[in-house]
Amino acid sequence: IRVLIADDQVMVRQGFTVLLGAEPGIEVVGQAVDGQD
């Protein structure tokens, strides 16, 4: 499952990336800093 994380807070993006990155079958493919991104 390919996941994109969109949040303007760096710590939230990084935290979710770490948590999901440790899960089998889930890959964080990108981080967006706002809705347009």
ModelCIF file with pLDDT and N, C-alpha, C, O atoms, coordinates in Angstrom:
data_MODEL
#
_entry.id   MODEL 
#
_entity.id                         1 
_entity.type                       polymer 
_entity.pdbx_number_of_molecules   1 
#
_entity_poly.entity_id                      1 
_entity_poly.type                           'polypeptide(L)' 
_entity_poly.nstd_linkage                   no 
_entity_poly.nstd_monomer                   no 
_entity_poly.pdbx_seq_one_letter_code       IRVLIADDQVMVRQGFTVLLGAEPGIEVVGQAVDGQD 
_entity_poly.pdbx_seq_one_letter_code_can   IRVLIADDQVMVRQGFTVLLGAEPGIEVVGQAVDGQD 
_entity_poly.pdbx_strand_id                 A 
#
loop_
_entity_poly_seq.entity_id 
_entity_poly_seq.num 
_entity_poly_seq.mon_id 
_entity_poly_seq.hetero 
1 1  ILE n 
1 2  ARG n 
1 3  VAL n 
1 4  LEU n 
1 5  ILE n 
1 6  ALA n 
1 7  ASP n 
1 8  ASP n 
1 9  GLN n 
1 10 VAL n 
1 11 MET n 
1 12 VAL n 
1 13 ARG n 
1 14 GLN n 
1 15 GLY n 
1 16 PHE n 
1 17 THR n 
1 18 VAL n 
1 19 LEU n 
1 20 LEU n 
1 21 GLY n 
1 22 ALA n 
1 23 GLU n 
1 24 PRO n 
1 25 GLY n 
1 26 ILE n 
1 27 GLU n 
1 28 VAL n 
1 29 VAL n 
1 30 GLY n 
1 31 GLN n 
1 32 ALA n 
1 33 VAL n 
1 34 ASP n 
1 35 GLY n 
1 36 GLN n 
1 37 ASP n 
#
_struct_asym.id          A 
_struct_asym.entity_id   1 
#
loop_
_ma_qa_metric.id 
_ma_qa_metric.mode 
_ma_qa_metric.name 
_ma_qa_metric.software_group_id 
_ma_qa_metric.type 
1 global pLDDT . pLDDT 
2 local  pLDDT . pLDDT 
#
_ma_qa_metric_global.metric_id      1 
_ma_qa_metric_global.metric_value   94.78 
_ma_qa_metric_global.model_id       1 
_ma_qa_metric_global.ordinal_id     1 
#
loop_
_ma_qa_metric_local.label_asym_id 
_ma_qa_metric_local.label_comp_id 
_ma_qa_metric_local.label_seq_id 
_ma_qa_metric_local.metric_id 
_ma_qa_metric_local.metric_value 
_ma_qa_metric_local.model_id 
_ma_qa_metric_local.ordinal_id 
A ILE 1  2 96.00 1 1  
A ARG 2  2 96.00 1 2  
A VAL 3  2 97.00 1 3  
A LEU 4  2 97.00 1 4  
A ILE 5  2 97.00 1 5  
A ALA 6  2 97.00 1 6  
A ASP 7  2 95.00 1 7  
A ASP 8  2 94.00 1 8  
A GLN 9  2 93.00 1 9  
A VAL 10 2 94.00 1 10 
A MET 11 2 92.00 1 11 
A VAL 12 2 90.00 1 12 
A ARG 13 2 93.00 1 13 
A GLN 14 2 94.00 1 14 
A GLY 15 2 92.00 1 15 
A PHE 16 2 93.00 1 16 
A THR 17 2 95.00 1 17 
A VAL 18 2 94.00 1 18 
A LEU 19 2 92.00 1 19 
A LEU 20 2 94.00 1 20 
A GLY 21 2 91.00 1 21 
A ALA 22 2 93.00 1 22 
A GLU 23 2 93.00 1 23 
A PRO 24 2 94.00 1 24 
A GLY 25 2 95.00 1 25 
A ILE 26 2 96.00 1 26 
A GLU 27 2 96.00 1 27 
A VAL 28 2 97.00 1 28 
A VAL 29 2 97.00 1 29 
A GLY 30 2 97.00 1 30 
A GLN 31 2 97.00 1 31 
A ALA 32 2 97.00 1 32 
A VAL 33 2 96.00 1 33 
A ASP 34 2 96.00 1 34 
A GLY 35 2 95.00 1 35 
A GLN 36 2 95.00 1 36 
A ASP 37 2 97.00 1 37 
#
loop_
_atom_site.group_PDB 
_atom_site.id 
_atom_site.type_symbol 
_atom_site.label_atom_id 
_atom_site.label_alt_id 
_atom_site.label_comp_id 
_atom_site.label_asym_id 
_atom_site.label_entity_id 
_atom_site.label_seq_id 
_atom_site.pdbx_PDB_ins_code 
_atom_site.Cartn_x 
_atom_site.Cartn_y 
_atom_site.Cartn_z 
_atom_site.occupancy 
_atom_site.B_iso_or_equiv 
_atom_site.pdbx_formal_charge 
_atom_site.auth_seq_id 
_atom_site.auth_comp_id 
_atom_site.auth_asym_id 
_atom_site.auth_atom_id 
_atom_site.pdbx_PDB_model_num 
ATOM 1   N N  . ILE A 1 1  ? 0.861  -1.186 0.000  1.00 96.00 ? 1  ILE A N  1 
ATOM 2   C CA . ILE A 1 1  ? 0.000  0.000  0.000  1.00 96.00 ? 1  ILE A CA 1 
ATOM 3   C C  . ILE A 1 1  ? 0.895  1.233  0.000  1.00 96.00 ? 1  ILE A C  1 
ATOM 4   O O  . ILE A 1 1  ? 1.702  1.424  0.910  1.00 96.00 ? 1  ILE A O  1 
ATOM 5   N N  . ARG A 1 2  ? 0.749  2.059  -1.014 1.00 96.00 ? 2  ARG A N  1 
ATOM 6   C CA . ARG A 1 2  ? 1.571  3.263  -1.168 1.00 96.00 ? 2  ARG A CA 1 
ATOM 7   C C  . ARG A 1 2  ? 0.845  4.449  -0.522 1.00 96.00 ? 2  ARG A C  1 
ATOM 8   O O  . ARG A 1 2  ? -0.311 4.731  -0.837 1.00 96.00 ? 2  ARG A O  1 
ATOM 9   N N  . VAL A 1 3  ? 1.544  5.135  0.382  1.00 97.00 ? 3  VAL A N  1 
ATOM 10  C CA . VAL A 1 3  ? 0.910  6.192  1.181  1.00 97.00 ? 3  VAL A CA 1 
ATOM 11  C C  . VAL A 1 3  ? 1.620  7.525  0.978  1.00 97.00 ? 3  VAL A C  1 
ATOM 12  O O  . VAL A 1 3  ? 2.849  7.597  0.956  1.00 97.00 ? 3  VAL A O  1 
ATOM 13  N N  . LEU A 1 4  ? 0.825  8.569  0.831  1.00 97.00 ? 4  LEU A N  1 
ATOM 14  C CA . LEU A 1 4  ? 1.331  9.942  0.812  1.00 97.00 ? 4  LEU A CA 1 
ATOM 15  C C  . LEU A 1 4  ? 0.824  10.633 2.064  1.00 97.00 ? 4  LEU A C  1 
ATOM 16  O O  . LEU A 1 4  ? -0.363 10.545 2.379  1.00 97.00 ? 4  LEU A O  1 
ATOM 17  N N  . ILE A 1 5  ? 1.702  11.321 2.783  1.00 97.00 ? 5  ILE A N  1 
ATOM 18  C CA . ILE A 1 5  ? 1.327  12.021 4.014  1.00 97.00 ? 5  ILE A CA 1 
ATOM 19  C C  . ILE A 1 5  ? 1.319  13.522 3.750  1.00 97.00 ? 5  ILE A C  1 
ATOM 20  O O  . ILE A 1 5  ? 2.332  14.091 3.346  1.00 97.00 ? 5  ILE A O  1 
ATOM 21  N N  . ALA A 1 6  ? 0.173  14.161 3.980  1.00 97.00 ? 6  ALA A N  1 
ATOM 22  C CA . ALA A 1 6  ? 0.040  15.602 3.747  1.00 97.00 ? 6  ALA A CA 1 
ATOM 23  C C  . ALA A 1 6  ? -0.285 16.305 5.054  1.00 97.00 ? 6  ALA A C  1 
ATOM 24  O O  . ALA A 1 6  ? -1.383 16.161 5.591  1.00 97.00 ? 6  ALA A O  1 
ATOM 25  N N  . ASP A 1 7  ? 0.677  17.066 5.562  1.00 95.00 ? 7  ASP A N  1 
ATOM 26  C CA . ASP A 1 7  ? 0.503  17.805 6.813  1.00 95.00 ? 7  ASP A CA 1 
ATOM 27  C C  . ASP A 1 7  ? 1.528  18.919 6.846  1.00 95.00 ? 7  ASP A C  1 
ATOM 28  O O  . ASP A 1 7  ? 2.675  18.719 6.445  1.00 95.00 ? 7  ASP A O  1 
ATOM 29  N N  . ASP A 1 8  ? 1.128  20.101 7.322  1.00 94.00 ? 8  ASP A N  1 
ATOM 30  C CA . ASP A 1 8  ? 2.067  21.214 7.329  1.00 94.00 ? 8  ASP A CA 1 
ATOM 31  C C  . ASP A 1 8  ? 3.033  21.175 8.502  1.00 94.00 ? 8  ASP A C  1 
ATOM 32  O O  . ASP A 1 8  ? 3.942  22.001 8.578  1.00 94.00 ? 8  ASP A O  1 
ATOM 33  N N  . GLN A 1 9  ? 2.853  20.223 9.424  1.00 93.00 ? 9  GLN A N  1 
ATOM 34  C CA . GLN A 1 9  ? 3.764  20.084 10.557 1.00 93.00 ? 9  GLN A CA 1 
ATOM 35  C C  . GLN A 1 9  ? 4.796  18.987 10.279 1.00 93.00 ? 9  GLN A C  1 
ATOM 36  O O  . GLN A 1 9  ? 4.456  17.827 10.048 1.00 93.00 ? 9  GLN A O  1 
ATOM 37  N N  . VAL A 1 10 ? 6.048  19.391 10.309 1.00 94.00 ? 10 VAL A N  1 
ATOM 38  C CA . VAL A 1 10 ? 7.135  18.464 9.986  1.00 94.00 ? 10 VAL A CA 1 
ATOM 39  C C  . VAL A 1 10 ? 7.132  17.254 10.915 1.00 94.00 ? 10 VAL A C  1 
ATOM 40  O O  . VAL A 1 10 ? 7.320  16.123 10.468 1.00 94.00 ? 10 VAL A O  1 
ATOM 41  N N  . MET A 1 11 ? 6.918  17.492 12.204 1.00 92.00 ? 11 MET A N  1 
ATOM 42  C CA . MET A 1 11 ? 6.979  16.389 13.163 1.00 92.00 ? 11 MET A CA 1 
ATOM 43  C C  . MET A 1 11 ? 5.867  15.370 12.926 1.00 92.00 ? 11 MET A C  1 
ATOM 44  O O  . MET A 1 11 ? 6.067  14.170 13.110 1.00 92.00 ? 11 MET A O  1 
ATOM 45  N N  . VAL A 1 12 ? 4.706  15.850 12.521 1.00 90.00 ? 12 VAL A N  1 
ATOM 46  C CA . VAL A 1 12 ? 3.604  14.928 12.225 1.00 90.00 ? 12 VAL A CA 1 
ATOM 47  C C  . VAL A 1 12 ? 3.948  14.073 11.019 1.00 90.00 ? 12 VAL A C  1 
ATOM 48  O O  . VAL A 1 12 ? 3.774  12.854 11.042 1.00 90.00 ? 12 VAL A O  1 
ATOM 49  N N  . ARG A 1 13 ? 4.438  14.713 9.964  1.00 93.00 ? 13 ARG A N  1 
ATOM 50  C CA . ARG A 1 13 ? 4.806  13.969 8.755  1.00 93.00 ? 13 ARG A CA 1 
ATOM 51  C C  . ARG A 1 13 ? 5.875  12.930 9.053  1.00 93.00 ? 13 ARG A C  1 
ATOM 52  O O  . ARG A 1 13 ? 5.762  11.773 8.648  1.00 93.00 ? 13 ARG A O  1 
ATOM 53  N N  . GLN A 1 14 ? 6.905  13.348 9.759  1.00 94.00 ? 14 GLN A N  1 
ATOM 54  C CA . GLN A 1 14 ? 8.003  12.436 10.047 1.00 94.00 ? 14 GLN A CA 1 
ATOM 55  C C  . GLN A 1 14 ? 7.580  11.314 10.988 1.00 94.00 ? 14 GLN A C  1 
ATOM 56  O O  . GLN A 1 14 ? 7.993  10.165 10.830 1.00 94.00 ? 14 GLN A O  1 
ATOM 57  N N  . GLY A 1 15 ? 6.749  11.664 11.971 1.00 92.00 ? 15 GLY A N  1 
ATOM 58  C CA . GLY A 1 15 ? 6.284  10.652 12.915 1.00 92.00 ? 15 GLY A CA 1 
ATOM 59  C C  . GLY A 1 15 ? 5.466  9.580  12.227 1.00 92.00 ? 15 GLY A C  1 
ATOM 60  O O  . GLY A 1 15 ? 5.680  8.391  12.463 1.00 92.00 ? 15 GLY A O  1 
ATOM 61  N N  . PHE A 1 16 ? 4.525  9.984  11.375 1.00 93.00 ? 16 PHE A N  1 
ATOM 62  C CA . PHE A 1 16 ? 3.707  9.014  10.662 1.00 93.00 ? 16 PHE A CA 1 
ATOM 63  C C  . PHE A 1 16 ? 4.550  8.203  9.674  1.00 93.00 ? 16 PHE A C  1 
ATOM 64  O O  . PHE A 1 16 ? 4.298  7.020  9.446  1.00 93.00 ? 16 PHE A O  1 
ATOM 65  N N  . THR A 1 17 ? 5.543  8.855  9.100  1.00 95.00 ? 17 THR A N  1 
ATOM 66  C CA . THR A 1 17 ? 6.425  8.138  8.168  1.00 95.00 ? 17 THR A CA 1 
ATOM 67  C C  . THR A 1 17 ? 7.175  7.027  8.883  1.00 95.00 ? 17 THR A C  1 
ATOM 68  O O  . THR A 1 17 ? 7.290  5.919  8.359  1.00 95.00 ? 17 THR A O  1 
ATOM 69  N N  . VAL A 1 18 ? 7.678  7.310  10.058 1.00 94.00 ? 18 VAL A N  1 
ATOM 70  C CA . VAL A 1 18 ? 8.400  6.298  10.841 1.00 94.00 ? 18 VAL A CA 1 
ATOM 71  C C  . VAL A 1 18 ? 7.461  5.165  11.251 1.00 94.00 ? 18 VAL A C  1 
ATOM 72  O O  . VAL A 1 18 ? 7.807  3.991  11.117 1.00 94.00 ? 18 VAL A O  1 
ATOM 73  N N  . LEU A 1 19 ? 6.281  5.515  11.747 1.00 92.00 ? 19 LEU A N  1 
ATOM 74  C CA . LEU A 1 19 ? 5.334  4.497  12.207 1.00 92.00 ? 19 LEU A CA 1 
ATOM 75  C C  . LEU A 1 19 ? 4.888  3.589  11.068 1.00 92.00 ? 19 LEU A C  1 
ATOM 76  O O  . LEU A 1 19 ? 4.862  2.367  11.211 1.00 92.00 ? 19 LEU A O  1 
ATOM 77  N N  . LEU A 1 20 ? 4.540  4.191  9.941  1.00 94.00 ? 20 LEU A N  1 
ATOM 78  C CA . LEU A 1 20 ? 4.067  3.392  8.813  1.00 94.00 ? 20 LEU A CA 1 
ATOM 79  C C  . LEU A 1 20 ? 5.201  2.638  8.131  1.00 94.00 ? 20 LEU A C  1 
ATOM 80  O O  . LEU A 1 20 ? 5.001  1.551  7.591  1.00 94.00 ? 20 LEU A O  1 
ATOM 81  N N  . GLY A 1 21 ? 6.394  3.227  8.163  1.00 91.00 ? 21 GLY A N  1 
ATOM 82  C CA . GLY A 1 21 ? 7.536  2.566  7.552  1.00 91.00 ? 21 GLY A CA 1 
ATOM 83  C C  . GLY A 1 21 ? 7.914  1.266  8.235  1.00 91.00 ? 21 GLY A C  1 
ATOM 84  O O  . GLY A 1 21 ? 8.565  0.407  7.639  1.00 91.00 ? 21 GLY A O  1 
ATOM 85  N N  . ALA A 1 22 ? 7.501  1.123  9.496  1.00 93.00 ? 22 ALA A N  1 
ATOM 86  C CA . ALA A 1 22 ? 7.796  -0.097 10.240 1.00 93.00 ? 22 ALA A CA 1 
ATOM 87  C C  . ALA A 1 22 ? 6.753  -1.180 10.012 1.00 93.00 ? 22 ALA A C  1 
ATOM 88  O O  . ALA A 1 22 ? 6.903  -2.300 10.502 1.00 93.00 ? 22 ALA A O  1 
ATOM 89  N N  . GLU A 1 23 ? 5.695  -0.855 9.271  1.00 93.00 ? 23 GLU A N  1 
ATOM 90  C CA . GLU A 1 23 ? 4.609  -1.808 9.050  1.00 93.00 ? 23 GLU A CA 1 
ATOM 91  C C  . GLU A 1 23 ? 4.823  -2.598 7.762  1.00 93.00 ? 23 GLU A C  1 
ATOM 92  O O  . GLU A 1 23 ? 5.134  -2.012 6.725  1.00 93.00 ? 23 GLU A O  1 
ATOM 93  N N  . PRO A 1 24 ? 4.662  -3.912 7.813  1.00 94.00 ? 24 PRO A N  1 
ATOM 94  C CA . PRO A 1 24 ? 4.795  -4.708 6.583  1.00 94.00 ? 24 PRO A CA 1 
ATOM 95  C C  . PRO A 1 24 ? 3.680  -4.395 5.603  1.00 94.00 ? 24 PRO A C  1 
ATOM 96  O O  . PRO A 1 24 ? 2.524  -4.240 5.999  1.00 94.00 ? 24 PRO A O  1 
ATOM 97  N N  . GLY A 1 25 ? 4.016  -4.303 4.344  1.00 95.00 ? 25 GLY A N  1 
ATOM 98  C CA . GLY A 1 25 ? 3.025  -4.082 3.313  1.00 95.00 ? 25 GLY A CA 1 
ATOM 99  C C  . GLY A 1 25 ? 2.592  -2.646 3.140  1.00 95.00 ? 25 GLY A C  1 
ATOM 100 O O  . GLY A 1 25 ? 1.658  -2.371 2.386  1.00 95.00 ? 25 GLY A O  1 
ATOM 101 N N  . ILE A 1 26 ? 3.257  -1.710 3.831  1.00 96.00 ? 26 ILE A N  1 
ATOM 102 C CA . ILE A 1 26 ? 2.940  -0.288 3.700  1.00 96.00 ? 26 ILE A CA 1 
ATOM 103 C C  . ILE A 1 26 ? 4.220  0.479  3.389  1.00 96.00 ? 26 ILE A C  1 
ATOM 104 O O  . ILE A 1 26 ? 5.241  0.281  4.047  1.00 96.00 ? 26 ILE A O  1 
ATOM 105 N N  . GLU A 1 27 ? 4.167  1.343  2.398  1.00 96.00 ? 27 GLU A N  1 
ATOM 106 C CA . GLU A 1 27 ? 5.327  2.151  2.010  1.00 96.00 ? 27 GLU A CA 1 
ATOM 107 C C  . GLU A 1 27 ? 4.918  3.618  1.900  1.00 96.00 ? 27 GLU A C  1 
ATOM 108 O O  . GLU A 1 27 ? 3.970  3.944  1.185  1.00 96.00 ? 27 GLU A O  1 
ATOM 109 N N  . VAL A 1 28 ? 5.615  4.493  2.593  1.00 97.00 ? 28 VAL A N  1 
ATOM 110 C CA . VAL A 1 28 ? 5.386  5.932  2.468  1.00 97.00 ? 28 VAL A CA 1 
ATOM 111 C C  . VAL A 1 28 ? 6.179  6.424  1.264  1.00 97.00 ? 28 VAL A C  1 
ATOM 112 O O  . VAL A 1 28 ? 7.409  6.383  1.265  1.00 97.00 ? 28 VAL A O  1 
ATOM 113 N N  . VAL A 1 29 ? 5.471  6.888  0.237  1.00 97.00 ? 29 VAL A N  1 
ATOM 114 C CA . VAL A 1 29 ? 6.136  7.267  -1.013 1.00 97.00 ? 29 VAL A CA 1 
ATOM 115 C C  . VAL A 1 29 ? 6.375  8.756  -1.124 1.00 97.00 ? 29 VAL A C  1 
ATOM 116 O O  . VAL A 1 29 ? 7.075  9.205  -2.031 1.00 97.00 ? 29 VAL A O  1 
ATOM 117 N N  . GLY A 1 30 ? 5.791  9.548  -0.193 1.00 97.00 ? 30 GLY A N  1 
ATOM 118 C CA . GLY A 1 30 ? 6.006  10.983 -0.272 1.00 97.00 ? 30 GLY A CA 1 
ATOM 119 C C  . GLY A 1 30 ? 5.411  11.721 0.904  1.00 97.00 ? 30 GLY A C  1 
ATOM 120 O O  . GLY A 1 30 ? 4.573  11.194 1.636  1.00 97.00 ? 30 GLY A O  1 
ATOM 121 N N  . GLN A 1 31 ? 5.869  12.975 1.075  1.00 97.00 ? 31 GLN A N  1 
ATOM 122 C CA . GLN A 1 31 ? 5.347  13.858 2.105  1.00 97.00 ? 31 GLN A CA 1 
ATOM 123 C C  . GLN A 1 31 ? 4.998  15.190 1.462  1.00 97.00 ? 31 GLN A C  1 
ATOM 124 O O  . GLN A 1 31 ? 5.811  15.768 0.740  1.00 97.00 ? 31 GLN A O  1 
ATOM 125 N N  . ALA A 1 32 ? 3.794  15.679 1.721  1.00 97.00 ? 32 ALA A N  1 
ATOM 126 C CA . ALA A 1 32 ? 3.342  16.950 1.162  1.00 97.00 ? 32 ALA A CA 1 
ATOM 127 C C  . ALA A 1 32 ? 3.196  17.976 2.277  1.00 97.00 ? 32 ALA A C  1 
ATOM 128 O O  . ALA A 1 32 ? 2.722  17.651 3.366  1.00 97.00 ? 32 ALA A O  1 
ATOM 129 N N  . VAL A 1 33 ? 3.603  19.215 2.007  1.00 96.00 ? 33 VAL A N  1 
ATOM 130 C CA . VAL A 1 33 ? 3.613  20.253 3.039  1.00 96.00 ? 33 VAL A CA 1 
ATOM 131 C C  . VAL A 1 33 ? 2.300  21.025 3.105  1.00 96.00 ? 33 VAL A C  1 
ATOM 132 O O  . VAL A 1 33 ? 2.061  21.749 4.072  1.00 96.00 ? 33 VAL A O  1 
ATOM 133 N N  . ASP A 1 34 ? 1.435  20.881 2.081  1.00 96.00 ? 34 ASP A N  1 
ATOM 134 C CA . ASP A 1 34 ? 0.124  21.522 2.082  1.00 96.00 ? 34 ASP A CA 1 
ATOM 135 C C  . ASP A 1 34 ? -0.757 20.823 1.053  1.00 96.00 ? 34 ASP A C  1 
ATOM 136 O O  . ASP A 1 34 ? -0.332 19.872 0.397  1.00 96.00 ? 34 ASP A O  1 
ATOM 137 N N  . GLY A 1 35 ? -1.993 21.311 0.922  1.00 95.00 ? 35 GLY A N  1 
ATOM 138 C CA . GLY A 1 35 ? -2.925 20.651 0.027  1.00 95.00 ? 35 GLY A CA 1 
ATOM 139 C C  . GLY A 1 35 ? -2.525 20.714 -1.430 1.00 95.00 ? 35 GLY A C  1 
ATOM 140 O O  . GLY A 1 35 ? -2.690 19.737 -2.162 1.00 95.00 ? 35 GLY A O  1 
ATOM 141 N N  . GLN A 1 36 ? -2.001 21.851 -1.862 1.00 95.00 ? 36 GLN A N  1 
ATOM 142 C CA . GLN A 1 36 ? -1.579 21.983 -3.254 1.00 95.00 ? 36 GLN A CA 1 
ATOM 143 C C  . GLN A 1 36 ? -0.457 21.009 -3.568 1.00 95.00 ? 36 GLN A C  1 
ATOM 144 O O  . GLN A 1 36 ? -0.439 20.379 -4.625 1.00 95.00 ? 36 GLN A O  1 
ATOM 145 N N  . ASP A 1 37 ? 0.473  20.896 -2.640 1.00 97.00 ? 37 ASP A N  1 
ATOM 146 C CA . ASP A 1 37 ? 1.578  19.948 -2.791 1.00 97.00 ? 37 ASP A CA 1 
ATOM 147 C C  . ASP A 1 37 ? 1.035  18.522 -2.858 1.00 97.00 ? 37 ASP A C  1 
ATOM 148 O O  . ASP A 1 37 ? 1.808  17.573 -2.984 1.00 97.00 ? 37 ASP A O  1 
#
